[in-house]
Every structure is written in structure tokens, then in C-alpha cells.
Amino acid sequence: MRVVSAVLLAVLGGKANPTADDVKAILGSVGVEADSADVERLLKELEGKDINELIAAGREKLQSVPSGGGAVAAAPAAGGAAAGGAAPAKEEKKEEPSEEDEDM
């Protein structure tokens, strides 16, 4: 993700086709050492492609991905409460604080 971010920053800065040195300079400016293989692999994948078109195509793909929250809970079976009495109460699970929470 860091390499992708650096490439996008270079493009925003006016470099339509950033080089490996451009990406390494951006990452180095914030104290991050770039893996040359990762930088070269990404730049090879992006070679000859327009970043803005890739972002637009990605947005189109994301629009078709379900984002959750649309599921409807199933209704209880008819007569379930009348035939068998009250439904069992749901057990509430108590979340134990994680180590990260305790450090704060």
C-alpha cells in the first residue's frame, strides 16, 4: 500500500509516469525504505496505463460489491410462540478488552 500511495502522490504531483527513483524518494522523505522488487513490479503493471482510468474502472467494480446492511432478518415460524411458549432468551456475550485496549 505504501508503494501504491507513493505512486499516486507522484501522479498528483504532476508525474504522469513516475519512476522507481520518484517512488523511493517519496517514501524516503517520510522515513520508509522501499522494497525495490515491489516498486518495480507495480510500475511494470502500471506501464502504459492511465492512473485516472484505472481508478474509474476500480470504482465501477466496487459499485457491484455488496456493502452489507441490506439483509433482512428472517421472521419466526408461524405459531412457534403459541405452540412452545416463549422463545429462549439470547445470551449476551461480554467482550473482553484486548491488550490494545488496555494499553490506552
C-alpha atoms as a PDB file:
ATOM      1  CA  MET A   1       0.000   0.000   0.000  1.00  0.00           C
ATOM      2  CA  ARG A   2       2.854   2.364   0.683  1.00  0.00           C
ATOM      3  CA  VAL A   3       4.222   1.928  -2.811  1.00  0.00           C
ATOM      4  CA  VAL A   4       0.784   2.465  -4.353  1.00  0.00           C
ATOM      5  CA  SER A   5       0.318   5.588  -2.233  1.00  0.00           C
ATOM      6  CA  ALA A   6       3.692   6.936  -3.300  1.00  0.00           C
ATOM      7  CA  VAL A   7       2.849   6.371  -6.975  1.00  0.00           C
ATOM      8  CA  LEU A   8      -0.473   8.167  -6.527  1.00  0.00           C
ATOM      9  CA  LEU A   9       1.263  11.061  -4.775  1.00  0.00           C
ATOM     10  CA  ALA A  10       3.732  11.321  -7.657  1.00  0.00           C
ATOM     11  CA  VAL A  11       0.865  11.392 -10.162  1.00  0.00           C
ATOM     12  CA  LEU A  12      -0.915  14.063  -8.123  1.00  0.00           C
ATOM     13  CA  GLY A  13       2.336  15.994  -8.096  1.00  0.00           C
ATOM     14  CA  GLY A  14       2.394  16.104 -11.895  1.00  0.00           C
ATOM     15  CA  LYS A  15       4.395  12.984 -12.827  1.00  0.00           C
ATOM     16  CA  ALA A  16       2.181  11.053 -15.246  1.00  0.00           C
ATOM     17  CA  ASN A  17       4.627   8.128 -15.263  1.00  0.00           C
ATOM     18  CA  PRO A  18       6.629   8.101 -12.035  1.00  0.00           C
ATOM     19  CA  THR A  19       9.927   6.224 -11.969  1.00  0.00           C
ATOM     20  CA  ALA A  20      11.258   3.904  -9.290  1.00  0.00           C
ATOM     21  CA  ASP A  21      13.502   6.736  -8.101  1.00  0.00           C
ATOM     22  CA  ASP A  22      10.478   9.037  -7.758  1.00  0.00           C
ATOM     23  CA  VAL A  23       8.645   6.463  -5.646  1.00  0.00           C
ATOM     24  CA  LYS A  24      11.713   5.768  -3.495  1.00  0.00           C
ATOM     25  CA  ALA A  25      12.268   9.499  -2.967  1.00  0.00           C
ATOM     26  CA  ILE A  26       8.676   9.997  -1.807  1.00  0.00           C
ATOM     27  CA  LEU A  27       8.843   7.071   0.584  1.00  0.00           C
ATOM     28  CA  GLY A  28      12.308   8.069   1.781  1.00  0.00           C
ATOM     29  CA  SER A  29      11.074  11.559   2.605  1.00  0.00           C
ATOM     30  CA  VAL A  30       8.900  10.083   5.339  1.00  0.00           C
ATOM     31  CA  GLY A  31      11.458   7.573   6.561  1.00  0.00           C
ATOM     32  CA  VAL A  32      10.137   4.483   4.770  1.00  0.00           C
ATOM     33  CA  GLU A  33      12.530   2.192   2.951  1.00  0.00           C
ATOM     34  CA  ALA A  34      11.010   0.930  -0.290  1.00  0.00           C
ATOM     35  CA  ASP A  35      11.470  -2.641  -1.466  1.00  0.00           C
ATOM     36  CA  SER A  36      12.878  -2.332  -4.993  1.00  0.00           C
ATOM     37  CA  ALA A  37      11.125  -5.505  -6.175  1.00  0.00           C
ATOM     38  CA  ASP A  38       7.717  -4.200  -5.054  1.00  0.00           C
ATOM     39  CA  VAL A  39       8.301  -0.833  -6.699  1.00  0.00           C
ATOM     40  CA  GLU A  40       9.437  -2.366  -9.976  1.00  0.00           C
ATOM     41  CA  ARG A  41       6.562  -4.876 -10.030  1.00  0.00           C
ATOM     42  CA  LEU A  42       3.955  -2.150  -9.519  1.00  0.00           C
ATOM     43  CA  LEU A  43       5.490   0.164 -12.086  1.00  0.00           C
ATOM     44  CA  LYS A  44       5.608  -2.692 -14.595  1.00  0.00           C
ATOM     45  CA  GLU A  45       1.888  -3.378 -14.004  1.00  0.00           C
ATOM     46  CA  LEU A  46       1.068   0.313 -14.463  1.00  0.00           C
ATOM     47  CA  GLU A  47       3.218   0.751 -17.561  1.00  0.00           C
ATOM     48  CA  GLY A  48       1.215   2.284 -20.405  1.00  0.00           C
ATOM     49  CA  LYS A  49      -1.903   2.736 -18.282  1.00  0.00           C
ATOM     50  CA  ASP A  50      -3.572   5.942 -17.144  1.00  0.00           C
ATOM     51  CA  ILE A  51      -3.992   6.107 -13.361  1.00  0.00           C
ATOM     52  CA  ASN A  52      -7.254   8.061 -13.636  1.00  0.00           C
ATOM     53  CA  GLU A  53      -8.756   5.394 -15.919  1.00  0.00           C
ATOM     54  CA  LEU A  54      -7.654   2.644 -13.504  1.00  0.00           C
ATOM     55  CA  ILE A  55      -9.296   4.445 -10.589  1.00  0.00           C
ATOM     56  CA  ALA A  56     -12.513   4.929 -12.584  1.00  0.00           C
ATOM     57  CA  ALA A  57     -12.557   1.240 -13.537  1.00  0.00           C
ATOM     58  CA  GLY A  58     -11.997   0.290  -9.889  1.00  0.00           C
ATOM     59  CA  ARG A  59     -14.897   2.449  -8.787  1.00  0.00           C
ATOM     60  CA  GLU A  60     -17.163   0.711 -11.301  1.00  0.00           C
ATOM     61  CA  LYS A  61     -16.148  -2.674  -9.902  1.00  0.00           C
ATOM     62  CA  LEU A  62     -16.715  -1.545  -6.314  1.00  0.00           C
ATOM     63  CA  GLN A  63     -20.247  -0.422  -7.105  1.00  0.00           C
ATOM     64  CA  SER A  64     -21.226  -4.027  -7.777  1.00  0.00           C
ATOM     65  CA  VAL A  65     -19.845  -5.292  -4.449  1.00  0.00           C
ATOM     66  CA  PRO A  66     -22.447  -5.773  -1.715  1.00  0.00           C
ATOM     67  CA  SER A  67     -21.710  -3.448   1.166  1.00  0.00           C
ATOM     68  CA  GLY A  68     -23.735  -5.205   3.880  1.00  0.00           C
ATOM     69  CA  GLY A  69     -26.586  -3.872   5.931  1.00  0.00           C
ATOM     70  CA  GLY A  70     -29.169  -4.938   3.378  1.00  0.00           C
ATOM     71  CA  ALA A  71     -30.034  -8.328   4.836  1.00  0.00           C
ATOM     72  CA  VAL A  72     -33.467  -8.749   6.348  1.00  0.00           C
ATOM     73  CA  ALA A  73     -33.834 -10.874   9.455  1.00  0.00           C
ATOM     74  CA  ALA A  74     -35.951 -13.983   8.935  1.00  0.00           C
ATOM     75  CA  ALA A  75     -39.356 -13.891  10.567  1.00  0.00           C
ATOM     76  CA  PRO A  76     -40.022 -16.542  13.211  1.00  0.00           C
ATOM     77  CA  ALA A  77     -42.068 -19.518  12.103  1.00  0.00           C
ATOM     78  CA  ALA A  78     -45.817 -19.037  12.453  1.00  0.00           C
ATOM     79  CA  GLY A  79     -47.231 -20.458  15.654  1.00  0.00           C
ATOM     80  CA  GLY A  80     -43.822 -21.051  17.204  1.00  0.00           C
ATOM     81  CA  ALA A  81     -44.520 -18.962  20.273  1.00  0.00           C
ATOM     82  CA  ALA A  82     -48.073 -20.281  20.670  1.00  0.00           C
ATOM     83  CA  ALA A  83     -47.117 -23.930  20.455  1.00  0.00           C
ATOM     84  CA  GLY A  84     -43.958 -23.955  22.509  1.00  0.00           C
ATOM     85  CA  GLY A  85     -44.206 -20.966  24.779  1.00  0.00           C
ATOM     86  CA  ALA A  86     -41.682 -18.151  24.900  1.00  0.00           C
ATOM     87  CA  ALA A  87     -38.563 -18.334  22.812  1.00  0.00           C
ATOM     88  CA  PRO A  88     -35.325 -18.810  24.734  1.00  0.00           C
ATOM     89  CA  ALA A  89     -33.565 -15.582  25.643  1.00  0.00           C
ATOM     90  CA  LYS A  90     -30.445 -14.739  23.688  1.00  0.00           C
ATOM     91  CA  GLU A  91     -27.238 -14.941  25.604  1.00  0.00           C
ATOM     92  CA  GLU A  92     -25.276 -11.723  25.551  1.00  0.00           C
ATOM     93  CA  LYS A  93     -21.594 -12.163  25.015  1.00  0.00           C
ATOM     94  CA  LYS A  94     -19.409  -9.888  27.042  1.00  0.00           C
ATOM     95  CA  GLU A  95     -16.416  -8.626  25.107  1.00  0.00           C
ATOM     96  CA  GLU A  96     -13.201  -8.847  26.987  1.00  0.00           C
ATOM     97  CA  PRO A  97     -10.904  -5.898  26.392  1.00  0.00           C
ATOM     98  CA  SER A  98      -7.997  -6.754  24.173  1.00  0.00           C
ATOM     99  CA  GLU A  99      -4.424  -5.944  25.052  1.00  0.00           C
ATOM    100  CA  GLU A 100      -4.534  -2.987  22.685  1.00  0.00           C
ATOM    101  CA  ASP A 101      -7.487  -1.510  24.571  1.00  0.00           C
ATOM    102  CA  GLU A 102      -5.773  -1.944  27.911  1.00  0.00           C
ATOM    103  CA  ASP A 103      -2.691  -0.025  26.745  1.00  0.00           C
ATOM    104  CA  MET A 104      -4.708   3.104  26.129  1.00  0.00           C
END
